[in-house]
Amino acid sequence: MFRTSVAAAALGFAKRALQEALARAKSRDMFGGKLADFQLTQATLADMALSVDSASLRTYRAAWQRDHSLNVMKEAAMAKLVATEQAQRVIDAAVQMWGGMGVVSGVMVERLYREIRALRIYEGATAVQQLIIARELLKNG
């Protein structure tokens, strides 16, 4: 079972996207200031950071349980689901901050945008993770 590893990879993608978004927000000139000066940009960055942190905690929990030879089926499915879905959101927000440059081939956020799709499918798409989580809940309470 590689769900925890897939979650970790997605988490890495999300962290990189957040770094790229922060750098772009600080450097992109808009309306006489920087993109980072706008409250909406700041709120988006805060949401991105919250998504990354939430996915981190889920992923680390599943990894810890796996390291301690505990049943990790539900936790790994939760980590994979949360990390890949949140990574998609964070990467999408980063592409938005990059504007038209965000979809230029070879730009990091464009690459992340393409690559996160595969991680959302590996080891089962979101619906599969939901079924695993529900089955584990029903089986173990």
Foldseek 3Di string as FASTA:
>chain_A
DCLLVLLVVLLVLLVVLLVLLVVLQQPPDDPNHGNVVDPVSVVLSVLSVVLSVVLVVLSVVLVVCVVVVHPNQLSSLVSLLSSLVSSLVSLVVSLVSVPPVSCDPPPSSNVSNVVSVVSCPPPHHNVVSVVSNVVCVVVPD
